[in-house]
Every structure is written in structure tokens, then in C-alpha cells.
Protein backbone atom coordinates (compact mmCIF):
# COMPACT_ATOMS: atom_id res chain seq x y z
CA MET A 1 61.53 92.50 95.67
CA ASN A 2 60.24 90.07 92.99
CA ASN A 3 64.16 89.26 92.72
CA ILE A 4 64.31 88.34 96.45
CA GLU A 5 61.19 86.05 96.08
CA LYS A 6 62.45 83.90 93.04
CA GLN A 7 65.80 83.30 95.15
CA ALA A 8 65.88 79.90 96.45
CA LEU A 9 66.67 79.74 100.12
CA PRO A 10 70.28 78.31 100.69
CA LYS A 11 69.89 75.17 102.02
CA ASP A 12 71.06 74.34 106.03
CA TRP A 13 73.08 71.85 107.87
CA LEU A 14 75.29 69.62 105.93
CA GLU A 15 73.61 70.10 103.14
CA GLY A 16 74.13 73.97 103.34
CA LEU A 17 77.81 73.29 104.30
CA LYS A 18 78.46 71.51 100.77
CA GLU A 19 76.03 74.34 98.62
CA ASN A 20 78.08 77.02 100.43
CA LEU A 21 81.13 75.87 101.42
CA THR A 22 83.58 78.06 99.32
CA THR A 23 81.77 81.18 100.35
CA ASP A 24 81.19 80.66 104.05
CA LEU A 25 84.67 79.02 104.52
CA THR A 26 85.70 82.46 102.96
CA SER A 27 83.71 84.77 104.88
CA GLY A 28 84.77 82.79 108.02
CA PHE A 29 88.26 82.90 107.32
CA ILE A 30 88.12 87.02 106.90
CA VAL A 31 85.84 87.35 110.02
CA PHE A 32 88.24 85.32 111.70
CA LEU A 33 91.02 87.86 111.11
CA LEU A 34 88.78 90.44 112.46
CA ALA A 35 87.75 89.13 115.90
CA LEU A 36 90.95 87.89 116.85
CA PRO A 37 92.77 90.66 117.78
CA LEU A 38 89.14 92.74 118.56
CA SER A 39 88.71 89.44 121.01
CA LEU A 40 91.90 90.11 122.76
CA GLY A 41 92.06 93.40 123.04
CA ILE A 42 88.33 93.63 124.64
CA ALA A 43 88.82 91.47 127.17
CA GLN A 44 91.97 93.18 127.66
CA ALA A 45 90.42 96.11 128.11
CA SER A 46 87.76 94.52 130.46
CA GLY A 47 90.30 93.67 133.42
CA ILE A 48 90.36 89.83 132.26
CA PRO A 49 93.49 87.41 130.62
CA PRO A 50 93.01 88.41 126.83
CA ILE A 51 92.77 85.08 125.71
CA MET A 52 89.24 84.46 128.02
CA GLY A 53 87.95 86.63 124.95
CA VAL A 54 89.15 84.33 122.29
CA ILE A 55 87.83 81.37 124.06
CA SER A 56 84.52 82.93 124.54
CA ALA A 57 84.58 83.87 120.38
CA ILE A 58 85.72 80.10 119.96
CA ILE A 59 82.79 78.71 121.98
CA GLY A 60 80.50 81.16 120.13
CA GLY A 61 81.55 79.61 116.76
CA VAL A 62 82.36 75.96 117.38
CA ILE A 63 79.74 75.36 119.59
CA ILE A 64 76.67 77.99 119.49
CA THR A 65 76.45 77.39 115.70
CA PHE A 66 74.38 74.44 116.07
CA ILE A 67 71.82 76.00 118.00
CA THR A 68 71.21 79.79 116.89
CA GLY A 69 68.21 81.49 116.21
CA CYS A 70 70.29 83.98 113.56
CA LYS A 71 72.10 82.22 110.70
CA LEU A 72 74.10 84.84 109.74
CA ALA A 73 74.89 86.01 113.35
CA ILE A 74 78.35 86.06 114.59
CA LYS A 75 78.84 85.53 118.20
CA GLY A 76 81.61 86.91 120.42
CA PRO A 77 82.94 89.36 122.89
CA ALA A 78 81.53 92.85 122.24
CA ALA A 79 83.19 95.95 122.90
CA GLY A 80 79.62 97.00 124.49
CA LEU A 81 80.39 95.18 127.34
CA ILE A 82 83.89 96.42 128.17
CA VAL A 83 81.90 98.90 130.78
CA ILE A 84 79.81 96.15 132.93
CA VAL A 85 82.92 93.38 133.11
CA ALA A 86 85.67 95.75 134.06
CA GLY A 87 83.36 97.80 136.60
CA ALA A 88 82.51 93.80 137.73
CA VAL A 89 86.20 93.06 137.94
CA THR A 90 86.76 96.02 139.67
CA GLU A 91 84.03 95.85 142.73
CA PHE A 92 85.26 92.22 143.34
CA GLY A 93 88.44 93.16 144.19
CA GLY A 94 90.28 93.19 140.93
CA GLY A 95 93.07 91.11 139.47
CA THR A 96 92.91 87.56 139.03
CA GLU A 97 90.49 87.20 141.89
CA GLY A 98 88.03 90.25 141.07
CA TRP A 99 87.93 88.31 137.37
CA LYS A 100 86.67 84.87 138.73
CA MET A 101 83.94 86.42 141.02
CA ALA A 102 83.26 88.08 137.89
CA ALA A 103 82.93 84.92 136.02
CA GLY A 104 80.25 84.11 138.75
CA VAL A 105 77.89 86.64 138.22
CA MET A 106 78.32 85.71 133.95
CA VAL A 107 77.60 82.18 134.85
CA VAL A 108 73.83 83.27 136.35
CA ALA A 109 73.27 86.05 134.02
CA GLY A 110 73.63 83.28 131.37
CA VAL A 111 71.45 81.32 132.60
CA LEU A 112 68.89 84.01 133.45
CA GLN A 113 69.11 84.73 129.43
CA ILE A 114 68.41 81.24 128.78
CA LEU A 115 65.02 81.84 131.31
CA PHE A 116 64.40 85.04 129.05
CA GLY A 117 64.71 83.10 125.85
CA VAL A 118 62.64 80.17 126.96
CA ILE A 119 59.44 82.27 127.97
CA LYS A 120 59.79 84.74 125.20
CA LEU A 121 60.72 87.95 126.26
CA GLY A 122 62.94 88.90 123.64
CA ARG A 123 59.42 90.55 121.70
CA TYR A 124 60.54 92.83 124.86
CA VAL A 125 63.68 94.56 122.85
CA ASP A 126 60.85 97.12 121.22
CA PHE A 127 60.38 98.76 124.85
CA PHE A 128 63.13 100.56 125.05
CA PRO A 129 62.80 104.28 123.17
CA LEU A 130 65.99 104.57 120.68
CA SER A 131 67.16 107.53 121.92
CA ALA A 132 68.00 105.78 125.19
CA ILE A 133 69.80 102.69 123.37
CA HIS A 134 71.61 105.23 120.98
CA GLY A 135 72.38 107.13 124.15
CA MET A 136 73.44 104.21 126.00
CA LEU A 137 75.74 102.88 123.19
CA ALA A 138 77.54 106.54 122.57
CA ALA A 139 78.32 106.59 126.58
CA ILE A 140 79.66 102.90 126.43
CA GLY A 141 81.42 104.24 123.18
CA LEU A 142 82.66 107.71 125.33
CA ILE A 143 83.64 105.22 128.20
CA ILE A 144 85.98 102.92 125.89
CA ILE A 145 87.96 106.01 124.88
CA ALA A 146 88.85 107.41 128.02
CA LYS A 147 90.11 103.73 129.41
CA GLN A 148 92.13 103.56 126.54
CA ILE A 149 93.88 106.45 126.01
CA PRO A 150 96.59 106.18 128.46
CA VAL A 151 97.16 102.77 127.00
CA LEU A 152 97.13 103.97 123.62
CA LEU A 153 100.53 106.37 124.91
CA ASN A 154 101.84 103.70 126.75
CA ASP A 155 101.40 105.34 130.17
CA ASN A 156 101.80 103.18 133.55
CA PRO A 157 98.57 101.74 134.46
CA VAL A 158 98.99 103.03 138.28
CA LEU A 159 98.14 106.56 136.53
CA SER A 160 94.68 106.04 135.44
CA LYS A 161 94.02 102.83 138.19
CA GLY A 162 90.05 103.26 139.90
CA GLU A 163 89.76 106.71 137.43
CA SER A 164 85.74 107.61 136.52
CA PRO A 165 85.33 108.36 132.64
CA PHE A 166 85.21 112.28 133.70
CA GLU A 167 88.36 111.74 135.57
CA LEU A 168 89.97 110.08 132.92
CA PHE A 169 88.70 113.00 130.45
CA TYR A 170 90.25 115.02 132.75
CA ASP A 171 93.50 113.76 133.07
CA ILE A 172 94.72 113.44 129.58
CA PRO A 173 96.86 116.30 129.25
CA MET A 174 99.03 113.99 132.51
CA PHE A 175 98.87 111.06 129.96
CA VAL A 176 100.00 112.97 127.35
CA SER A 177 103.08 114.61 129.32
CA ASN A 178 104.03 110.76 130.57
CA LEU A 179 103.10 109.13 127.39
CA ASP A 180 106.41 106.54 126.17
CA SER A 181 107.12 107.86 122.62
CA ARG A 182 108.05 104.55 120.87
CA ALA A 183 104.69 102.93 122.18
CA SER A 184 102.65 106.07 120.93
CA PHE A 185 104.13 106.04 117.67
CA ILE A 186 102.56 102.66 117.45
CA GLY A 187 99.83 103.52 118.49
CA VAL A 188 99.14 106.68 116.94
CA ILE A 189 99.53 104.98 113.75
CA SER A 190 97.43 102.17 114.37
CA LEU A 191 94.65 104.81 115.39
CA LEU A 192 94.86 106.38 112.22
CA ILE A 193 95.22 102.72 110.31
CA MET A 194 91.70 102.03 111.71
CA LEU A 195 90.10 105.64 110.94
CA GLY A 196 91.33 105.84 107.46
CA TRP A 197 91.06 102.05 106.30
CA PRO A 198 87.18 102.55 105.59
CA LEU A 199 88.36 105.38 103.20
CA ILE A 200 90.09 103.26 100.83
CA LYS A 201 88.71 102.39 97.78
CA HIS A 202 91.31 100.09 96.19
CA LYS A 203 89.23 96.73 95.25
CA ILE A 204 91.42 94.42 97.09
CA ILE A 205 93.51 96.45 99.44
CA SER A 206 89.74 97.60 100.75
CA LYS A 207 88.86 93.76 101.61
CA ILE A 208 91.75 93.28 104.07
CA PRO A 209 90.15 93.96 107.69
CA ALA A 210 91.48 97.10 109.26
CA PRO A 211 92.25 95.10 112.52
CA LEU A 212 94.71 93.01 110.62
CA ALA A 213 96.07 95.77 108.49
CA VAL A 214 97.03 97.28 112.64
CA LEU A 215 98.44 94.32 113.35
CA LEU A 216 100.66 93.87 109.54
CA PHE A 217 102.27 97.14 110.90
CA ALA A 218 102.47 96.85 114.68
CA ILE A 219 103.90 93.41 115.18
CA PRO A 220 106.90 94.29 112.70
CA ALA A 221 107.45 97.60 114.46
CA GLY A 222 107.38 96.34 118.21
CA ILE A 223 109.59 93.70 116.70
CA TYR A 224 112.04 96.55 115.20
CA MET A 225 111.75 98.39 118.68
CA ASN A 226 112.70 95.30 120.07
CA PHE A 227 109.90 95.75 122.54
CA SER A 228 110.66 92.29 124.73
CA THR A 229 113.35 93.88 125.79
CA THR A 230 113.20 97.50 125.55
CA GLU A 231 109.28 98.13 127.11
CA PRO A 232 107.66 97.67 130.31
CA ASP A 233 105.94 94.41 130.76
CA TYR A 234 102.64 96.37 129.86
CA ALA A 235 103.82 96.89 126.61
CA LEU A 236 102.79 93.60 125.35
CA VAL A 237 99.64 91.31 125.29
CA LYS A 238 100.07 88.58 127.37
CA VAL A 239 98.47 85.09 126.02
CA GLY A 240 99.73 82.25 127.36
CA SER A 241 98.66 78.77 126.31
CA ILE A 242 94.56 78.33 125.38
CA ILE A 243 95.61 74.54 127.13
CA ASP A 244 97.11 76.07 129.92
CA SER A 245 94.14 78.48 130.41
CA LEU A 246 91.33 75.62 130.02
CA SER A 247 89.50 75.10 133.83
CA ILE A 248 86.96 76.21 135.97
CA ASN A 249 87.62 79.78 136.67
CA ALA A 250 84.56 80.99 137.70
CA ASN A 251 83.80 81.14 141.67
CA PHE A 252 80.16 82.39 143.30
CA LYS A 253 81.93 83.94 146.24
CA GLY A 254 80.62 87.35 145.23
CA MET A 255 77.32 86.34 146.42
CA SER A 256 78.14 87.25 149.96
CA GLU A 257 78.37 90.92 148.59
CA THR A 258 74.22 90.44 147.51
CA GLY A 259 73.71 93.78 146.12
CA ILE A 260 76.98 94.27 143.73
CA PHE A 261 76.19 90.45 142.39
CA ILE A 262 72.49 91.40 141.87
CA LYS A 263 72.94 94.32 140.04
CA TYR A 264 75.72 93.14 138.12
CA VAL A 265 73.84 89.66 137.02
CA ILE A 266 70.76 92.34 135.79
CA MET A 267 73.43 94.32 133.73
CA PHE A 268 75.01 91.25 132.12
CA ALA A 269 71.59 90.08 131.13
CA LEU A 270 70.13 93.18 130.27
CA VAL A 271 72.45 94.81 128.06
CA GLY A 272 74.03 92.29 126.76
CA SER A 273 70.43 90.68 125.70
CA LEU A 274 69.57 93.77 124.28
CA GLU A 275 72.60 94.66 122.92
CA SER A 276 72.07 90.41 121.13
CA LEU A 277 68.39 90.93 120.21
CA LEU A 278 68.90 94.64 118.18
CA THR A 279 71.70 92.76 116.51
CA VAL A 280 69.25 89.96 115.01
CA LYS A 281 67.22 92.65 114.27
CA ALA A 282 69.97 94.40 111.79
CA ILE A 283 71.49 91.04 110.50
CA ASP A 284 67.29 90.47 109.24
CA LEU A 285 67.39 93.60 107.52
CA LEU A 286 71.02 92.97 106.09
CA ASP A 287 70.38 89.22 104.38
CA SER A 288 69.32 89.54 101.00
CA TYR A 289 66.71 86.52 101.31
CA LYS A 290 65.07 88.27 103.80
CA ARG A 291 64.94 84.75 106.51
CA LYS A 292 63.52 85.61 109.48
CA SER A 293 65.42 84.84 112.63
CA ASN A 294 64.07 83.53 116.21
CA PRO A 295 65.12 86.30 118.76
CA ASN A 296 64.06 84.07 121.48
CA LYS A 297 66.37 81.05 119.79
CA ASP A 298 68.54 82.99 119.66
CA LEU A 299 69.05 84.31 123.12
CA ILE A 300 68.83 81.02 124.45
CA ALA A 301 71.81 80.11 122.17
CA VAL A 302 73.49 83.48 123.51
CA GLY A 303 73.01 82.54 126.81
CA ILE A 304 73.84 78.58 127.05
CA GLY A 305 77.42 80.21 124.86
CA ASN A 306 77.68 82.69 127.96
CA THR A 307 77.11 80.16 130.84
CA ILE A 308 79.77 77.44 129.31
CA ALA A 309 82.37 80.72 128.76
CA ALA A 310 81.86 82.07 131.97
CA PHE A 311 82.65 78.82 134.06
CA LEU A 312 85.80 78.74 132.09
CA GLY A 313 86.26 82.48 133.21
CA GLY A 314 85.45 84.21 129.93
CA TYR A 315 83.97 87.12 128.58
CA PRO A 316 80.52 87.12 127.66
CA MET A 317 79.32 86.64 124.29
CA ILE A 318 76.59 88.22 121.95
CA SER A 319 75.45 88.18 118.42
CA GLU A 320 78.15 91.22 117.61
CA VAL A 321 76.72 93.29 114.92
CA ALA A 322 80.31 94.35 113.23
CA ARG A 323 81.36 91.15 112.62
CA SER A 324 77.73 89.80 111.48
CA SER A 325 78.14 92.94 108.77
CA ALA A 326 81.13 91.95 107.63
CA ASN A 327 79.82 88.11 107.62
CA ILE A 328 77.04 88.79 105.31
CA LYS A 329 79.14 91.83 103.22
CA ASN A 330 81.78 88.81 102.59
CA GLY A 331 78.83 86.40 101.30
CA ALA A 332 78.15 84.12 104.31
CA LYS A 333 75.15 82.16 103.45
CA THR A 334 74.33 80.38 106.62
CA ARG A 335 75.46 79.05 110.03
CA TRP A 336 78.71 77.58 108.96
CA ALA A 337 80.39 80.68 108.24
CA ASN A 338 80.00 81.13 112.22
CA PHE A 339 81.74 77.64 112.90
CA PHE A 340 84.59 78.62 110.27
CA HIS A 341 85.16 81.66 112.45
CA GLY A 342 85.36 80.02 115.79
CA GLY A 343 87.61 77.18 114.42
CA PHE A 344 90.08 79.25 112.55
CA LEU A 345 90.19 80.71 115.97
CA LEU A 346 91.06 77.69 117.62
CA LEU A 347 93.34 76.19 115.19
CA PHE A 348 95.40 79.79 115.49
CA VAL A 349 95.82 80.04 119.54
CA LEU A 350 96.76 76.12 119.58
CA ALA A 351 99.64 76.37 116.82
CA ALA A 352 100.77 80.30 116.83
CA TYR A 353 99.81 82.03 120.29
CA PRO A 354 103.22 83.04 120.41
CA VAL A 355 102.30 85.41 117.82
CA LEU A 356 99.90 87.05 119.88
CA GLU A 357 102.51 87.85 122.48
CA MET A 358 104.49 90.49 119.96
CA ILE A 359 101.00 92.85 119.65
CA PRO A 360 101.75 95.98 121.63
CA ASN A 361 98.81 96.91 123.82
CA ALA A 362 98.77 100.36 122.09
CA ALA A 363 98.13 98.97 118.87
CA LEU A 364 94.59 96.79 120.58
CA ALA A 365 94.16 100.76 122.24
CA ALA A 366 93.91 101.88 118.99
CA MET A 367 91.17 99.62 117.81
CA LEU A 368 89.31 99.92 120.92
CA ILE A 369 89.24 103.64 120.63
CA ALA A 370 88.23 103.41 116.83
CA VAL A 371 85.24 101.33 118.09
CA GLY A 372 84.60 103.97 120.61
CA ILE A 373 84.51 106.71 118.18
CA ASN A 374 81.86 104.48 115.92
CA LEU A 375 79.49 104.31 118.83
CA ALA A 376 80.21 107.75 120.14
CA HIS A 377 80.31 109.64 116.77
CA PRO A 378 79.23 113.21 116.23
CA LYS A 379 76.62 112.25 113.37
CA GLU A 380 75.06 110.10 116.53
CA PHE A 381 74.18 113.67 118.40
CA VAL A 382 73.33 115.42 114.94
CA HIS A 383 70.95 112.40 114.26
CA MET A 384 69.47 112.80 116.96
CA PHE A 385 69.18 116.34 116.98
CA LYS A 386 67.70 116.04 113.38
CA ILE A 387 65.01 114.27 115.11
CA GLY A 388 63.45 116.47 117.42
CA LYS A 389 65.58 118.33 120.53
CA ASP A 390 63.36 116.03 123.04
CA GLN A 391 64.76 113.10 121.65
CA LEU A 392 68.77 114.86 121.78
CA ALA A 393 67.58 115.91 125.70
CA ILE A 394 66.91 111.70 126.21
CA PHE A 395 70.09 110.95 124.15
CA LEU A 396 72.35 113.34 126.28
CA THR A 397 70.89 112.26 129.80
CA THR A 398 70.77 108.94 129.06
CA ILE A 399 74.88 109.44 128.42
CA ILE A 400 75.33 111.62 130.91
CA PHE A 401 73.74 109.21 134.11
CA THR A 402 75.69 106.57 132.16
CA LEU A 403 79.07 108.32 132.63
CA ALA A 404 78.35 109.73 135.91
CA GLU A 405 76.63 106.18 137.46
CA ASP A 406 76.12 103.05 135.51
CA LEU A 407 74.27 101.88 132.36
CA LEU A 408 71.38 100.65 134.45
CA ILE A 409 70.86 104.69 135.55
CA GLY A 410 71.47 105.55 132.11
CA ILE A 411 68.64 103.70 130.50
CA ALA A 412 66.75 104.54 133.61
CA ALA A 413 67.26 108.23 133.39
CA GLY A 414 66.59 108.29 129.36
CA ILE A 415 63.46 106.19 130.30
CA ILE A 416 62.08 108.44 132.80
CA LEU A 417 62.58 111.50 130.86
CA LYS A 418 60.79 110.30 128.14
CA PHE A 419 57.45 109.51 130.05
CA ILE A 420 57.55 113.12 131.31
CA PHE A 421 57.82 114.70 127.94
CA HIS A 422 54.59 112.01 127.01
CA LEU A 423 52.80 113.21 130.52
CA ALA A 424 53.55 116.96 129.52
CA ARG A 425 52.09 116.27 125.99
CA GLY A 426 48.81 114.97 127.12
CA VAL A 427 49.50 111.27 127.38
CA ARG A 428 47.13 109.46 130.04
CA PHE A 429 48.88 107.92 132.67
CA ASN A 430 46.90 104.47 132.13
CA SER A 431 47.74 104.39 128.29
CA LEU A 432 51.51 104.75 128.77
CA PHE A 433 51.69 101.07 128.59
CA LYS A 434 48.12 99.77 127.31
CA SER A 435 47.58 100.58 123.38
CA LEU A 436 44.12 101.12 122.49
CA VAL A 437 43.38 99.67 119.33
CA GLU A 438 39.91 99.10 117.20
CA THR A 439 40.35 96.55 114.79
CA THR A 440 37.96 96.93 111.61
CA VAL A 441 37.51 93.70 109.11
CA GLU A 442 35.61 93.76 105.64
CA GLY A 443 37.08 90.85 103.68
CA ASP A 444 41.07 91.65 102.53
CA ASN A 445 40.78 95.14 104.29
CA ILE A 446 41.74 95.13 107.66
CA THR A 447 41.97 98.67 109.37
CA LEU A 448 43.79 99.61 113.01
CA THR A 449 42.28 102.33 114.77
CA ILE A 450 44.95 103.68 117.49
CA LYS A 451 43.31 105.96 120.31
CA ASN A 452 44.94 108.16 122.92
CA SER A 453 48.79 107.60 122.41
CA ALA A 454 51.20 105.48 120.21
CA ILE A 455 54.51 105.48 122.26
CA PHE A 456 57.07 103.19 122.73
CA SER A 457 56.15 101.26 126.09
CA ASN A 458 52.79 100.73 124.63
CA PHE A 459 54.06 99.17 120.95
CA LEU A 460 54.33 96.13 122.13
CA GLY A 461 50.51 95.94 122.61
CA PHE A 462 49.84 97.06 119.35
CA LYS A 463 52.08 94.77 118.08
CA LYS A 464 50.07 91.73 119.38
CA HIS A 465 47.40 93.41 116.84
CA ILE A 466 49.13 93.76 114.27
CA GLU A 467 50.89 90.53 113.94
CA ALA A 468 48.27 88.39 114.31
CA ILE A 469 46.76 89.21 111.19
CA PRO A 470 47.67 87.19 108.02
CA SER A 471 50.21 88.05 104.88
CA LYS A 472 49.36 89.55 101.76
CA LYS A 473 46.38 91.76 103.29
CA ASN A 474 45.45 95.21 102.95
CA ILE A 475 46.21 96.56 106.07
CA THR A 476 45.79 100.39 107.41
CA VAL A 477 46.81 102.13 110.04
CA ASN A 478 45.01 105.04 111.28
CA PHE A 479 46.05 107.66 114.20
CA SER A 480 42.56 108.90 115.19
CA ASP A 481 41.86 112.37 116.13
CA ASN A 482 42.14 111.70 119.55
CA VAL A 483 45.89 110.59 119.56
CA LYS A 484 47.70 112.93 121.39
CA VAL A 485 51.20 111.45 120.71
CA VAL A 486 53.25 109.05 118.33
CA ASP A 487 56.49 109.01 119.24
CA HIS A 488 59.89 108.12 117.64
CA SER A 489 60.30 104.68 119.28
CA PHE A 490 57.03 104.23 117.87
CA LEU A 491 57.49 104.90 114.25
CA ASP A 492 60.63 103.03 113.55
CA ASP A 493 59.38 99.93 114.36
CA LEU A 494 56.21 101.03 112.75
CA TYR A 495 57.72 101.54 109.40
CA ARG A 496 60.35 98.87 110.30
CA PHE A 497 56.79 96.13 110.48
CA GLN A 498 55.67 98.31 107.11
CA GLN A 499 58.83 97.30 104.78
CA ASP A 500 58.63 93.80 106.02
CA TYR A 501 54.92 93.13 105.35
CA ILE A 502 55.22 94.67 102.10
CA GLN A 503 58.02 92.88 101.09
CA GLU A 504 55.90 88.91 101.58
CA GLY A 505 53.70 91.08 99.59
CA GLY A 506 50.72 92.45 101.91
CA ASP A 507 50.26 96.19 101.49
CA LEU A 508 50.07 98.42 105.07
CA THR A 509 49.27 102.18 104.70
CA ILE A 510 49.66 104.55 107.65
CA GLU A 511 47.01 106.87 107.93
CA GLY A 512 46.64 109.82 110.41
CA LEU A 513 50.01 111.38 110.62
CA GLU A 514 49.39 114.34 108.53
CA ARG A 515 46.66 115.63 110.84
CA MET A 516 49.40 115.71 113.63
CA THR A 517 52.25 118.09 114.22
CA PRO A 518 55.96 117.08 113.64
CA LEU A 519 58.44 118.62 115.74
CA SER A 520 60.90 118.10 113.43
CA LYS A 521 61.64 117.45 109.38
CA HIS A 522 62.80 114.20 110.51
CA LYS A 523 60.47 111.20 109.29
CA LEU A 524 61.13 109.89 112.83
CA ALA A 525 60.17 112.72 114.65
CA VAL A 526 57.82 113.02 117.27
CA HIS A 527 54.39 114.08 116.12
CA LYS A 528 51.53 115.26 118.41
CA LYS A 529 48.26 116.97 118.10
CA TYR A 530 48.29 120.50 116.98
CA LYS A 531 45.44 121.90 119.50
CA ASP A 532 47.62 120.77 122.43
CA GLU A 533 50.66 123.05 121.56
CA ILE A 534 50.80 125.64 123.93
CA LYS A 535 50.87 129.12 122.23
CA GLY A 536 52.38 128.08 119.27
CA LYS A 537 55.18 126.38 120.87
CA SER A 538 55.65 122.36 120.90
CA ILE A 539 56.28 120.68 124.38
């Protein structure tokens, strides 16, 4: 910790460019290699022209760099929004018209994100329970896998058109029986590369991004098999010139279908903002200099980027976690790494876009399936089970309702179930959203005594109290004898705050949990008051 405090923070703006040119340029180039195929694949999987994913990433790098609230975040398309974009395009009729009407929705959602940031709604990211958030991400992963399996096997798109996630999984045997053997070979090998690449320990080879390794295999393999003349049109990526693609593509005819329009505005704004804000939180934890991002400023930046990109028909951007993590891992120091990533993308699509049309779609599908597997990895299910059976129930409920309906219904179902659990454990209805806290000050020693409940939905009220305390004090957070429940999300946020506060030179002690019963052995398990247990069994 002391070593971190002694480090001189990297300079910003032009001074930062001069000071960190080598590291930021190198990291930006490596992230560009990662972002290029993913941006193409994410857009294509959503039913919009692949080049639109790259256009969004370029805007996120070349323009949004200068207004971002998180210096190390990479702005660009995220796989987590595929489900929403594809749903919007489909519900507005599909094809070019559906894409352009969906872009009109994204313009409005981008403006709404700007408003979220202006009125400082970034802090409300802490409202959503972690089990529901993880359930939403896992459901997105499963949907991506389901939609990309036929593409991996190069099946005729007619076979899977309009099918729900459950139908897609059910029809996997049919997709396998209709596979294209040559394209499937490229797809399966590409998937093995994506999944096996992290296991490589070689100092140089391991630094090559897995998606680049896939392209280095898939493009030559497609050329060798003469895909351009022997395979159907849907076997290869269709990109076109970026210059020809630049025009105002958004239209707002979808407003006439009010219910659908409003639903997708909410989904784009809510899920995109949530994913972006969670990434900002994660990046602050990874930053070796422990710089604090401004989540509301970053939300405004993302909203501006989305508004610009959507007018052009581009894919919605967020502060993307995988590329941002790679940015830090490769030594980025300032915002310029994001700028360089966008600049390299722009130069490549201007000078070498015909190369992109040599990429087999099966290879892009493999990349996206790997992303889906990471989101819905079995370890996520095991992790939730270890925290508690109740958290697993919320996690699974969110997944099932998301697969059956949509993301908004899924998250709502997870939150409602969490409320039901809390009420059953004795939490009073009037304390679901209100944090009851008493503050006692004795010099530098400050005690916050919590009463009745400490749960995800009243953490924001508690946060007001604890954030009002100056740094370098001695804080005690005491869960009083009448606290009925301390939940998983509250504990996670409290432990994160504790870590940050101690790093800033203060001290924070947590008392009272030892008087409660954890519902599992996990550090983040729900704790409840012992006497509220019924016949020795936890509710």
C-alpha cells in the first residue's frame, strides 16, 4: 500500500502523452488487435452491418477519449448488448429497416444516458443485487452461445431464424446434422484456440490476443479452401468500405410502435449503463495507481458516444471490461491508450478493409461463443451456490426469466425474489429502501450503528452516511442487536469501501456479524439473526 502511495501519478493530456507514449501506444495497438474482430462479430451477431461495430469502437476511442471519466477504460461494443440489439432489430422487422429503426432507439437511449450522468444516477449502480446482475450476464452468455452455434457450423441462417434461446438449444442436433464440414472445421479449431489460448504460458506467445491468433489461422484456412467461390455468401464476413457506410442511418419510425420503442430505450439505457458502471468499478480496483474514476462523467461520455454512433447506425458502446482489463495488463497509463486503439482501428478499416472480408463467419462465431462461455461459465453457478442457496435461486431465476422473456423481466424477477427472501427473514417493509443508521463521533473515532436490516436496496442510504466521513478517521460499522439481515450485496459493497478507505490512510472495522448466523461458509454469505431461524433451519 505504501508503495502505491509513493508512486507519482501519470500526467494527463499532452504531458501524459509525452510521458507515456511508448506504453500507451503499445497497449493501444494490442487492444486494437483484440477489438477489431470482436467489434465485427458483435455487430454481425446483432443483425447490423459488421462495420458498424468498428465505427462505434473508433468513435469510442478517437472522440470519447477526451471526455471520459475513467482514464483506463476502453470504449467499444460489448457482447452483453447483443441480445438487446438483436431483439430490437427483429421486433422492428429485421433487415436494413429494422437496423435503422433500432438505431433510432439507440439515439434516444444515448440521450437518456447523458441525462443519467448529468443528474448523477451513476451511484445507483449499487442498488442492483449482485446475484441478479451475475444472473443477467450468465443469461446473456447462454443466449450468445445459442445464437452462434448455427453460425459456427455454417448452417443456412433460415434454419435458426426467429427461434428463441430455448428453441435454439433444442435444435442443436438439427444444426449438427446440417453442418458445413469445411466451415465447421475452421469454427471448431477457432473455438479451441479461444478456449485454450489462456493456458499457454510462453512469455511471447501468451501476449498475442486470442482473437488475433484465430484470424491468423482462419483467414489463411479460408483462402486455402477457396471460400470466396466455393462457399455460400453467408460463410464470409461482408464489411464494405467505411467511407461508403458513413451517413445518417438512424430513423425514428419505430416511435409509432410506442410499447416496443420505450421497452428498448429502457433496456439499452439501463443495461448499457449498468455494464459500463460496473466496468468502471472494476477498472478502479485494477489500476495500480488507485485513481478514482468519475462514474457520472463516464456515463455522460458513453451517452455522447452512443448518440453519435447511433445516428450513423453504429452499435451501442460501453466501458468494456475485457478490453479495459487487457489495456491495464499491457501497461497502459493514461487515456491515450484508448485513443490509440481507436486510431489504429480507423487506419486499418481505411487501408485494409478487403482483408476483413476474408474472415469466415464461423471464426467470429467461435470468438463470441468463447465470450458466452466466460459469461455463463459453470464456475459462476458454483460460486453462487457457495455464497448460499438463496443466492443461487436468485441467480437461476434471473437466468430463466431472461431466457424466457427478456433482460428487464429477468432482472425484475431476480430482485422480486430477493425482496421475498428478505421479508420472509423479518425485514420490515419500511426498511427495504431506508437505511436506519445512528452516527456517534468521539474525536477521530466514528461509529455507524445500523438497525433493522442492511440489504442491497438500502445500501445507498447507508453510503450517504459513510461517504460523509472525512478520510483518515477510525470508522466502526456496527450491526446492532436488532439487525435482522445483512445480505450478500451489502457486504460486498461494504468490504470494497473498507479496502478503499484503508488504502487512503484511514481505518474501518466491522462489528456485529459475529453475533449473527451466516447461511454458508462464504465470506459474502447472507447473515441473519439467530433467533429468527425456525426450528434450526434458515429461511
